[in-house]
Amino acid sequence: MGYPRRALLSVSDKEGLVEFARGLRDLGFDLIATEGTVRLLGGAGVRATSVSDYTGVPEVLGGRVKTLHPKIFAGILAPRGDEPDLAEMGAGPVELVAANLYPFEAVVAKPRVDPAEAIENIDIGGVTLIRAAAKNAHRVAVVVRPSRYHQVLDALKAVGTVPPELRDELAMEAFEYTSGYDAAIYNYLWKKAGRALPPALRLAYTRAADLRYGENPYQKAAFYRDPAAPVPSIARLETLHGKELSYNNLVDLEAALRVASEFSEPAGVVIKHTNPSGVAVRADLAEAYTAAHAADVKAAYGCVVGLNRTVDRATVRAMKGHFVEAIVAPDFAPDALEALRKRKNLRLVRTGAPFRPQEELEMTKVSGGMLVQSPTYPEFRADMFRVVTKKAPTAGQIDDMIFGMRVSKFVKSNSIVLVKDRTTVGMGAGQMSRVDSVMLARVKAGDRARGSVLVSDAFFPFRDGVDEAARGGVSAIAQPGGSIRDAEVIEACDEQGIAMAFNKVRLFRH
């Protein structure tokens, strides 16, 4: 006995659905669909039977219960050979299921989502349909993404069925899809609960782009996107000009975005190998960029730039003669964009929204596990400093200390940042001894070190760091304190006439 070929359609994303359904009808499929989909298809001249008519049970609870019926699921889950059992209950085998889910990720990605709206967008019936069809992949083809419609139709036209290899691939994709959906719901709920760290990690990132290679040419790499990624973020960047972004471009753009997001005033940030080589804040964006680039001209060659305001023509003029790999900014003025597009090898990306500090968990992969920490830092304020030397820092020096701390938290430890007038003038990054970081920052700054403020990401274990700073003419120091030799370090400052304040905030970055 022959049975009609059936396909069940239950989709939230209706992209390409009419063409897909018409193709199935042309191949002899009977279509069963939810009420909204039946109306859409009917309007396009494609006949389909509603789930309610097929089961004899109307949708209830305002559409919350549509497809959850034994007649539907028996047709999906039944193995070959059970057709007589299906016939007894007035059902028949379903050969293909096309289903996707309420847009939960898109809803919770909105800046101020209503919890009731989020909960209403948790799909139940769709997930159940997809899992049932994927479980029975030896007989049923499950399609969760519109991008697969043409491939499935082509297979049906070519060989009359969806081949086993493709059914298995579609089933794997279906379970990936539903697992990511569940992870998004779980992650939303734990964040809503206000917990600093989740009880379990459920990461659901979608492969968004294949990269030419990783950090080095012999490494394979891809970019995976969080479906609920906020704006602004690297995952939501829009490329306006230039070659495809490389692995190293992306990690440097992330650093540029995060540093520039620290400042409410116009800020220029120059990044090399994820470390800031120059950071400056000014009343004008062009001046901020100029100062940041001048902070270390040698290091700025081939840099990535972060600017936290719309890039204007004056800022473009300030970049004349500078070799810049990429620029990230909230936006680009039309005349600025036109001028920058003349640079063939420059990559331009915009966030489409003002920069703001990132609040995502920080994760580091280790063998067999993951280290996870909150991104929270204490608020940097003038009243957090405790003066420990005979000489007290001025109000201007305190401002530079706060500026330096905002930069220091993004510099590889051991880090020393020299600041003058809210501009970095010397950086000592990633050295194994603190005194070497001081020496490197002093050498980088040259004569500009005189009168500068030094910010250290951790305490000075010995007085040698202070002595090295004094050789460059440093006038004030901010550090956490807490060393067993704090008294010696304070004494060294008093001997050299350097003001020092403890901030009690360690800023390690590894």
Protein backbone atom coordinates (compact mmCIF):
# COMPACT_ATOMS: atom_id res chain seq x y z
CA MET A 1 0.00 0.00 0.00
CA GLY A 2 1.39 3.39 -0.94
CA TYR A 3 1.30 6.35 1.40
CA PRO A 4 1.29 10.01 0.40
CA ARG A 5 4.55 11.86 0.85
CA ARG A 6 4.18 14.35 3.67
CA ALA A 7 6.21 17.34 4.78
CA LEU A 8 5.56 19.28 7.97
CA LEU A 9 6.36 23.00 7.97
CA SER A 10 6.57 24.95 11.23
CA VAL A 11 8.88 27.93 10.93
CA SER A 12 9.37 31.27 12.63
CA ASP A 13 11.88 32.49 10.02
CA LYS A 14 9.86 32.34 6.79
CA GLU A 15 12.71 33.33 4.47
CA GLY A 16 12.51 31.23 1.28
CA LEU A 17 9.61 29.17 2.62
CA VAL A 18 7.12 29.84 -0.18
CA GLU A 19 9.59 28.71 -2.87
CA PHE A 20 10.56 25.66 -0.82
CA ALA A 21 6.94 24.68 -0.21
CA ARG A 22 6.07 25.17 -3.88
CA GLY A 23 9.00 22.95 -4.83
CA LEU A 24 7.81 20.23 -2.45
CA ARG A 25 4.27 20.43 -3.85
CA ASP A 26 5.64 20.09 -7.38
CA LEU A 27 7.40 16.90 -6.25
CA GLY A 28 4.13 15.45 -4.99
CA PHE A 29 4.35 16.22 -1.27
CA ASP A 30 1.30 16.92 0.85
CA LEU A 31 2.06 19.83 3.15
CA ILE A 32 1.02 20.14 6.80
CA ALA A 33 1.68 23.50 8.42
CA THR A 34 0.81 25.67 11.38
CA GLU A 35 -1.98 28.25 10.96
CA GLY A 36 0.21 31.25 10.20
CA THR A 37 2.24 29.31 7.66
CA VAL A 38 -0.91 27.97 5.97
CA ARG A 39 -2.12 31.56 5.52
CA LEU A 40 1.25 32.65 4.10
CA LEU A 41 1.36 29.76 1.65
CA GLY A 42 -2.29 30.15 0.68
CA GLY A 43 -1.67 33.77 -0.18
CA ALA A 44 1.06 32.60 -2.56
CA GLY A 45 -1.14 29.94 -4.14
CA VAL A 46 0.48 26.97 -2.37
CA ARG A 47 -2.02 24.59 -0.79
CA ALA A 48 -1.32 23.20 2.69
CA THR A 49 -3.36 21.46 5.38
CA SER A 50 -3.35 23.09 8.80
CA VAL A 51 -2.09 21.09 11.78
CA SER A 52 -5.49 21.65 13.41
CA ASP A 53 -7.35 20.11 10.46
CA TYR A 54 -4.90 17.20 10.32
CA THR A 55 -5.12 16.36 14.04
CA GLY A 56 -8.72 17.42 14.60
CA VAL A 57 -7.59 19.53 17.56
CA PRO A 58 -7.50 23.35 17.33
CA GLU A 59 -4.53 25.42 18.45
CA VAL A 60 -4.99 26.35 22.11
CA LEU A 61 -3.64 28.87 24.65
CA GLY A 62 -3.24 31.57 22.04
CA GLY A 63 -1.11 29.36 19.82
CA ARG A 64 1.17 28.05 22.57
CA VAL A 65 0.09 24.49 21.78
CA LYS A 66 0.05 23.76 18.05
CA THR A 67 2.00 20.70 16.97
CA LEU A 68 2.20 18.77 20.26
CA HIS A 69 -0.09 15.91 19.26
CA PRO A 70 0.45 12.11 19.01
CA LYS A 71 -0.71 12.08 15.40
CA ILE A 72 2.07 14.49 14.46
CA PHE A 73 4.84 12.86 16.45
CA ALA A 74 3.87 9.30 15.58
CA GLY A 75 4.24 10.24 11.91
CA ILE A 76 7.69 11.68 12.55
CA LEU A 77 9.08 9.04 14.92
CA ALA A 78 7.64 5.90 13.30
CA PRO A 79 10.30 3.63 11.77
CA ARG A 80 9.78 2.06 8.38
CA GLY A 81 7.33 -0.82 8.61
CA ASP A 82 5.05 0.79 11.20
CA GLU A 83 2.74 2.34 8.63
CA PRO A 84 -0.18 0.02 9.57
CA ASP A 85 0.00 1.21 13.18
CA LEU A 86 -0.06 4.79 11.96
CA ALA A 87 -3.07 4.05 9.78
CA GLU A 88 -5.02 2.77 12.77
CA MET A 89 -4.74 6.19 14.40
CA GLY A 90 -5.51 8.03 11.18
CA ALA A 91 -1.93 9.20 10.72
CA GLY A 92 0.72 8.67 8.08
CA PRO A 93 4.52 8.87 7.90
CA VAL A 94 6.10 12.32 7.67
CA GLU A 95 9.11 12.30 5.36
CA LEU A 96 10.42 15.82 5.87
CA VAL A 97 10.23 18.39 8.67
CA ALA A 98 11.20 22.03 8.11
CA ALA A 99 11.21 23.88 11.42
CA ASN A 100 12.97 26.75 13.10
CA LEU A 101 12.37 28.50 16.37
CA TYR A 102 11.11 31.73 17.90
CA PRO A 103 13.88 34.37 17.72
CA PHE A 104 14.88 34.13 21.39
CA GLU A 105 18.53 35.14 20.80
CA ALA A 106 17.51 38.26 18.87
CA VAL A 107 15.01 39.25 21.55
CA VAL A 108 17.43 38.94 24.49
CA ALA A 109 20.20 40.71 22.53
CA LYS A 110 18.17 43.93 22.73
CA PRO A 111 19.60 46.45 25.25
CA ARG A 112 16.59 46.48 27.61
CA VAL A 113 14.61 43.32 26.98
CA ASP A 114 11.30 42.80 28.77
CA PRO A 115 11.59 39.49 30.71
CA ALA A 116 8.01 38.62 29.75
CA GLU A 117 8.88 39.03 26.07
CA ALA A 118 11.95 36.86 26.51
CA ILE A 119 9.98 34.05 28.16
CA GLU A 120 7.25 34.26 25.51
CA ASN A 121 9.93 33.64 22.88
CA ILE A 122 11.03 30.32 24.36
CA ASP A 123 9.91 27.79 21.76
CA ILE A 124 8.57 24.42 22.95
CA GLY A 125 6.79 22.70 20.08
CA GLY A 126 9.41 23.60 17.49
CA VAL A 127 12.26 22.16 19.56
CA THR A 128 10.30 18.95 20.07
CA LEU A 129 9.59 18.62 16.34
CA ILE A 130 13.23 19.16 15.43
CA ARG A 131 14.57 16.67 17.97
CA ALA A 132 12.03 14.03 16.97
CA ALA A 133 12.85 14.38 13.28
CA ALA A 134 16.60 14.39 13.91
CA LYS A 135 16.33 11.28 16.07
CA ASN A 136 14.62 9.47 13.18
CA ALA A 137 17.14 10.67 10.58
CA HIS A 138 17.33 7.23 8.97
CA ARG A 139 13.88 8.02 7.51
CA VAL A 140 13.13 11.72 8.06
CA ALA A 141 14.98 14.77 6.73
CA VAL A 142 14.95 17.74 9.12
CA VAL A 143 15.72 21.23 7.82
CA VAL A 144 16.31 24.02 10.34
CA ARG A 145 17.96 26.68 8.16
CA PRO A 146 16.52 28.28 5.01
CA SER A 147 19.99 28.13 3.43
CA ARG A 148 19.47 24.36 3.08
CA TYR A 149 16.19 24.52 1.14
CA HIS A 150 17.74 24.53 -2.34
CA GLN A 151 20.11 21.67 -1.49
CA VAL A 152 17.24 19.51 -0.24
CA LEU A 153 15.05 20.26 -3.27
CA ASP A 154 17.93 19.53 -5.64
CA ALA A 155 18.48 16.14 -3.97
CA LEU A 156 14.79 15.28 -4.17
CA LYS A 157 14.70 16.20 -7.85
CA ALA A 158 17.89 14.29 -8.65
CA VAL A 159 17.35 10.99 -6.83
CA GLY A 160 13.79 11.18 -5.52
CA THR A 161 14.81 11.26 -1.87
CA VAL A 162 17.15 13.01 0.55
CA PRO A 163 20.27 10.79 0.60
CA PRO A 164 21.29 9.20 3.94
CA GLU A 165 24.52 11.21 4.12
CA LEU A 166 22.62 14.48 3.79
CA ARG A 167 19.96 13.37 6.29
CA ASP A 168 22.71 12.63 8.82
CA GLU A 169 24.31 16.02 8.18
CA LEU A 170 20.95 17.76 8.60
CA ALA A 171 20.31 15.86 11.84
CA MET A 172 23.67 16.95 13.24
CA GLU A 173 22.86 20.54 12.28
CA ALA A 174 19.46 20.21 13.96
CA PHE A 175 20.92 19.09 17.29
CA GLU A 176 23.53 21.85 17.07
CA TYR A 177 20.69 24.32 16.50
CA THR A 178 18.55 23.16 19.43
CA SER A 179 21.52 22.84 21.80
CA GLY A 180 22.52 26.41 20.98
CA TYR A 181 18.95 27.54 21.55
CA ASP A 182 18.82 25.89 24.98
CA ALA A 183 22.22 27.37 25.85
CA ALA A 184 20.96 30.86 24.96
CA ILE A 185 17.97 30.42 27.27
CA TYR A 186 20.15 29.12 30.10
CA ASN A 187 22.67 31.94 29.72
CA TYR A 188 19.90 34.55 29.72
CA LEU A 189 18.36 33.13 32.89
CA TRP A 190 21.60 32.99 34.89
CA LYS A 191 22.48 36.54 33.89
CA LYS A 192 18.97 37.66 34.81
CA ALA A 193 19.45 36.00 38.22
CA GLY A 194 22.35 38.39 38.84
CA ARG A 195 24.99 35.74 39.48
CA ALA A 196 28.60 36.72 38.84
CA LEU A 197 29.51 33.27 37.51
CA PRO A 198 27.30 30.56 36.01
CA PRO A 199 26.92 27.14 37.69
CA ALA A 200 27.91 25.56 34.36
CA LEU A 201 29.31 26.83 31.08
CA ARG A 202 27.07 26.37 28.07
CA LEU A 203 28.74 28.00 25.09
CA ALA A 204 26.85 28.09 21.81
CA TYR A 205 28.87 29.92 19.20
CA THR A 206 28.09 29.71 15.48
CA ARG A 207 30.87 29.47 12.92
CA ALA A 208 30.53 32.81 11.18
CA ALA A 209 33.68 33.05 9.06
CA ASP A 210 36.67 31.00 7.98
CA LEU A 211 39.88 32.98 8.39
CA ARG A 212 42.87 32.71 6.07
CA TYR A 213 44.91 31.32 8.97
CA GLY A 214 45.43 31.79 12.70
CA GLU A 215 48.13 33.74 14.49
CA ASN A 216 50.60 32.09 12.11
CA PRO A 217 50.21 30.85 8.51
CA TYR A 218 50.40 27.16 9.48
CA GLN A 219 47.41 27.39 11.87
CA LYS A 220 43.80 26.89 10.76
CA ALA A 221 41.31 29.38 12.21
CA ALA A 222 37.68 30.47 12.12
CA PHE A 223 35.56 33.09 13.85
CA TYR A 224 32.64 31.85 15.93
CA ARG A 225 29.86 34.29 16.83
CA ASP A 226 27.69 34.38 19.92
CA PRO A 227 24.11 34.66 18.56
CA ALA A 228 23.29 36.98 21.47
CA ALA A 229 26.40 39.15 21.05
CA PRO A 230 25.77 42.74 22.14
CA VAL A 231 26.25 45.91 20.13
CA PRO A 232 28.93 47.12 20.10
CA SER A 233 31.12 44.03 19.92
CA ILE A 234 33.58 42.39 17.55
CA ALA A 235 30.86 39.93 16.56
CA ARG A 236 28.66 42.80 15.33
CA LEU A 237 31.27 44.78 13.41
CA GLU A 238 30.45 45.98 9.91
CA THR A 239 33.36 46.07 7.48
CA LEU A 240 33.18 49.15 5.28
CA HIS A 241 36.42 48.81 3.35
CA GLY A 242 39.49 46.68 2.90
CA LYS A 243 40.59 43.07 2.79
CA GLU A 244 39.02 40.43 4.99
CA LEU A 245 39.94 40.68 8.64
CA SER A 246 42.65 38.30 9.82
CA TYR A 247 42.87 36.48 13.14
CA ASN A 248 45.44 39.01 14.38
CA ASN A 249 43.34 41.93 13.13
CA LEU A 250 40.38 40.68 15.15
CA VAL A 251 42.25 40.27 18.43
CA ASP A 252 43.82 43.72 17.99
CA LEU A 253 40.45 45.26 17.12
CA GLU A 254 39.03 43.73 20.30
CA ALA A 255 41.82 45.36 22.31
CA ALA A 256 41.27 48.71 20.57
CA LEU A 257 37.53 48.56 21.19
CA ARG A 258 37.93 47.69 24.86
CA VAL A 259 40.52 50.37 25.63
CA ALA A 260 38.66 53.11 23.75
CA SER A 261 35.45 52.12 25.56
CA GLU A 262 37.02 53.13 28.87
CA PHE A 263 36.73 56.83 28.12
CA SER A 264 33.71 59.10 27.81
CA GLU A 265 35.77 61.90 26.23
CA PRO A 266 37.14 61.65 22.66
CA ALA A 267 39.91 59.04 22.82
CA GLY A 268 42.52 57.72 20.44
CA VAL A 269 44.01 54.26 20.98
CA VAL A 270 46.89 52.67 19.08
CA ILE A 271 47.29 48.89 19.44
CA LYS A 272 50.16 46.54 18.56
CA HIS A 273 49.93 42.83 19.37
CA THR A 274 46.96 43.50 21.72
CA ASN A 275 48.94 45.98 23.83
CA PRO A 276 48.20 49.71 23.66
CA SER A 277 51.30 51.55 22.47
CA GLY A 278 49.62 54.93 22.76
CA VAL A 279 46.43 56.26 24.34
CA ALA A 280 45.25 59.84 24.63
CA VAL A 281 42.13 61.78 25.55
CA ARG A 282 41.39 65.25 24.19
CA ALA A 283 38.43 67.53 23.56
CA ASP A 284 38.87 66.84 19.84
CA LEU A 285 39.17 63.40 18.19
CA ALA A 286 41.87 64.41 15.72
CA GLU A 287 44.00 65.76 18.56
CA ALA A 288 43.43 62.59 20.59
CA TYR A 289 44.58 60.41 17.69
CA THR A 290 47.61 62.61 17.01
CA ALA A 291 48.72 62.40 20.65
CA ALA A 292 48.14 58.63 20.83
CA HIS A 293 50.15 58.01 17.65
CA ALA A 294 52.97 60.30 18.79
CA ALA A 295 53.22 58.41 22.10
CA ASP A 296 55.31 55.73 20.34
CA VAL A 297 55.76 56.42 16.64
CA LYS A 298 57.96 53.36 16.03
CA ALA A 299 55.48 50.96 17.62
CA ALA A 300 52.58 52.57 15.74
CA TYR A 301 53.85 51.33 12.37
CA GLY A 302 51.29 48.78 11.13
CA CYS A 303 48.97 49.42 14.07
CA VAL A 304 45.27 48.97 14.72
CA VAL A 305 43.47 52.15 15.81
CA GLY A 306 40.43 52.53 18.05
CA LEU A 307 38.48 55.81 18.05
CA ASN A 308 35.41 56.25 20.25
CA ARG A 309 33.76 58.96 18.16
CA THR A 310 32.58 59.18 14.56
CA VAL A 311 35.72 59.64 12.46
CA ASP A 312 35.73 63.06 10.78
CA ARG A 313 37.81 64.57 7.99
CA ALA A 314 40.17 66.28 10.43
CA THR A 315 41.07 62.94 11.99
CA VAL A 316 41.75 61.50 8.53
CA ARG A 317 44.11 64.39 7.81
CA ALA A 318 45.91 63.64 11.10
CA MET A 319 46.60 60.12 9.80
CA LYS A 320 48.41 61.30 6.69
CA GLY A 321 51.59 59.29 6.16
CA HIS A 322 50.77 56.77 8.90
CA PHE A 323 50.71 53.05 8.10
CA VAL A 324 47.57 51.78 9.81
CA GLU A 325 46.23 48.22 9.36
CA ALA A 326 42.69 48.80 10.60
CA ILE A 327 40.43 51.36 12.28
CA VAL A 328 37.43 50.62 14.48
CA ALA A 329 35.02 53.43 15.33
CA PRO A 330 31.31 53.90 16.03
CA ASP A 331 30.96 55.36 12.53
CA PHE A 332 32.70 57.33 9.78
CA ALA A 333 31.55 60.65 8.35
CA PRO A 334 30.85 60.36 4.57
CA ASP A 335 33.78 62.59 3.55
CA ALA A 336 36.11 60.80 5.96
CA LEU A 337 35.04 57.41 4.60
CA GLU A 338 35.56 58.57 1.02
CA ALA A 339 39.09 59.73 1.82
CA LEU A 340 40.05 56.59 3.77
CA ARG A 341 38.77 54.28 1.03
CA LYS A 342 41.60 55.53 -1.17
CA ARG A 343 43.93 53.46 1.01
CA LYS A 344 43.73 50.03 -0.59
CA ASN A 345 45.11 47.98 2.31
CA LEU A 346 43.35 49.79 5.16
CA ARG A 347 40.49 47.95 6.84
CA LEU A 348 37.63 50.10 8.12
CA VAL A 349 35.09 48.67 10.54
CA ARG A 350 32.30 50.33 12.46
CA THR A 351 30.33 49.21 15.49
CA GLY A 352 27.20 51.15 14.59
CA ALA A 353 26.76 52.19 18.22
CA PRO A 354 28.68 54.23 20.81
CA PHE A 355 31.46 52.35 22.57
CA ARG A 356 30.76 51.14 26.09
CA PRO A 357 32.71 48.91 28.50
CA GLN A 358 32.24 45.19 27.85
CA GLU A 359 30.58 43.06 30.52
CA GLU A 360 31.18 39.56 29.15
CA LEU A 361 32.87 36.87 31.20
CA GLU A 362 36.61 36.54 30.63
CA MET A 363 37.64 32.98 29.75
CA THR A 364 41.01 31.30 29.33
CA LYS A 365 41.30 27.76 28.00
CA VAL A 366 43.58 25.42 29.94
CA SER A 367 44.20 21.71 29.49
CA GLY A 368 40.97 19.92 30.28
CA GLY A 369 39.08 22.97 31.45
CA MET A 370 38.32 26.66 31.38
CA LEU A 371 39.24 29.48 33.74
CA VAL A 372 36.40 31.97 34.04
CA GLN A 373 36.35 35.31 35.82
CA SER A 374 34.06 38.28 36.04
CA PRO A 375 35.08 41.35 34.03
CA THR A 376 34.28 43.66 36.92
CA TYR A 377 36.81 46.25 38.04
CA PRO A 378 36.30 48.68 40.90
CA GLU A 379 35.38 52.19 39.94
CA PHE A 380 38.46 54.36 39.62
CA ARG A 381 37.92 57.54 41.68
CA ALA A 382 40.05 60.25 43.23
CA ASP A 383 39.05 59.22 46.76
CA MET A 384 40.46 55.70 46.31
CA PHE A 385 44.06 56.87 46.69
CA ARG A 386 45.93 56.91 50.01
CA VAL A 387 48.96 59.20 50.00
CA VAL A 388 51.90 57.43 51.67
CA THR A 389 54.76 59.86 50.98
CA LYS A 390 55.72 63.23 52.41
CA LYS A 391 54.86 64.85 49.10
CA ALA A 392 51.23 64.57 47.97
CA PRO A 393 50.20 64.27 44.31
CA THR A 394 48.42 67.24 42.76
CA ALA A 395 44.85 67.07 41.47
CA GLY A 396 46.23 66.89 37.93
CA GLN A 397 48.50 64.00 38.87
CA ILE A 398 45.55 62.17 40.44
CA ASP A 399 43.67 62.59 37.13
CA ASP A 400 46.65 61.11 35.29
CA MET A 401 46.78 58.23 37.78
CA ILE A 402 43.15 57.37 37.04
CA PHE A 403 43.81 57.66 33.31
CA GLY A 404 46.85 55.41 33.63
CA MET A 405 44.89 52.78 35.56
CA ARG A 406 42.27 52.67 32.81
CA VAL A 407 45.06 51.94 30.34
CA SER A 408 47.10 49.66 32.60
CA LYS A 409 44.35 47.08 32.98
CA PHE A 410 44.74 46.28 29.26
CA VAL A 411 48.56 46.08 29.24
CA LYS A 412 50.30 42.71 29.66
CA SER A 413 51.86 42.24 33.08
CA ASN A 414 54.26 43.23 34.45
CA SER A 415 53.11 46.61 33.21
CA ILE A 416 54.25 50.15 33.81
CA VAL A 417 52.45 53.08 32.20
CA LEU A 418 53.88 56.60 32.14
CA VAL A 419 51.27 59.35 31.72
CA LYS A 420 51.40 63.09 31.22
CA ASP A 421 48.32 65.24 30.64
CA ARG A 422 46.07 62.21 30.01
CA THR A 423 48.43 60.86 27.36
CA THR A 424 50.65 57.82 27.62
CA VAL A 425 54.29 58.74 27.05
CA GLY A 426 55.94 55.41 27.82
CA MET A 427 54.90 51.77 28.23
CA GLY A 428 56.69 48.84 29.81
CA ALA A 429 54.70 45.71 29.01
CA GLY A 430 55.09 41.99 29.58
CA GLN A 431 58.44 42.00 31.37
CA MET A 432 59.28 39.28 33.88
CA SER A 433 60.68 41.77 36.42
CA ARG A 434 59.00 45.03 37.38
CA VAL A 435 62.18 47.07 37.28
CA ASP A 436 62.71 46.02 33.65
CA SER A 437 59.19 47.26 32.82
CA VAL A 438 60.05 50.60 34.46
CA MET A 439 63.30 50.79 32.50
CA LEU A 440 61.53 50.00 29.23
CA ALA A 441 58.84 52.64 29.86
CA ARG A 442 61.50 55.21 30.76
CA VAL A 443 63.52 54.52 27.63
CA LYS A 444 60.40 54.66 25.46
CA ALA A 445 59.38 57.98 26.98
CA GLY A 446 62.82 59.60 26.75
CA ASP A 447 62.68 63.25 27.81
CA ARG A 448 58.88 63.04 28.09
CA ALA A 449 59.29 60.92 31.23
CA ARG A 450 60.28 64.05 33.18
CA GLY A 451 57.29 65.19 35.22
CA SER A 452 55.20 62.16 34.25
CA VAL A 453 53.02 59.99 36.47
CA LEU A 454 53.88 56.29 36.74
CA VAL A 455 51.12 53.69 37.15
CA SER A 456 52.14 50.17 38.15
CA ASP A 457 49.75 47.22 37.78
CA ALA A 458 51.06 45.64 41.00
CA PHE A 459 53.22 46.53 43.99
CA PHE A 460 56.95 47.20 43.83
CA PRO A 461 58.77 44.24 45.42
CA PHE A 462 61.96 46.32 45.80
CA ARG A 463 62.95 49.97 45.71
CA ASP A 464 64.87 49.50 42.45
CA GLY A 465 61.73 50.30 40.43
CA VAL A 466 61.44 53.68 42.13
CA ASP A 467 65.13 54.41 41.63
CA GLU A 468 64.78 53.61 37.92
CA ALA A 469 61.71 55.87 37.68
CA ALA A 470 63.61 58.70 39.36
CA ARG A 471 66.33 58.49 36.68
CA GLY A 472 63.70 59.46 34.14
CA GLY A 473 62.29 62.30 36.23
CA VAL A 474 58.97 60.67 37.20
CA SER A 475 57.10 62.98 39.58
CA ALA A 476 54.38 60.73 41.02
CA ILE A 477 53.58 57.02 41.33
CA ALA A 478 50.34 55.08 41.75
CA GLN A 479 50.51 51.45 42.81
CA PRO A 480 48.46 48.99 44.91
CA GLY A 481 50.91 48.60 47.78
CA GLY A 482 51.02 45.44 49.84
CA SER A 483 54.68 44.46 49.51
CA ILE A 484 56.66 43.38 52.58
CA ARG A 485 59.07 46.13 51.49
CA ASP A 486 56.50 48.93 51.17
CA ALA A 487 58.41 50.98 53.76
CA GLU A 488 61.62 50.80 51.69
CA VAL A 489 59.73 51.79 48.54
CA ILE A 490 58.11 54.75 50.32
CA GLU A 491 61.50 55.81 51.69
CA ALA A 492 62.95 55.71 48.17
CA CYS A 493 60.17 58.01 46.94
CA ASP A 494 60.77 60.46 49.79
CA GLU A 495 64.50 60.50 49.03
CA GLN A 496 63.79 61.34 45.37
CA GLY A 497 60.97 63.82 46.05
CA ILE A 498 58.39 61.63 44.33
CA ALA A 499 54.76 61.64 45.43
CA MET A 500 53.20 58.20 45.79
CA ALA A 501 49.67 56.99 46.47
CA PHE A 502 48.40 53.48 47.07
CA ASN A 503 45.21 52.57 45.20
CA LYS A 504 44.82 49.00 46.57
CA VAL A 505 43.85 47.75 43.08
CA ARG A 506 45.98 45.14 41.35
CA LEU A 507 45.58 45.15 37.56
CA PHE A 508 47.29 41.97 36.39
CA ARG A 509 46.71 40.91 32.79
CA HIS A 510 48.17 37.66 31.51
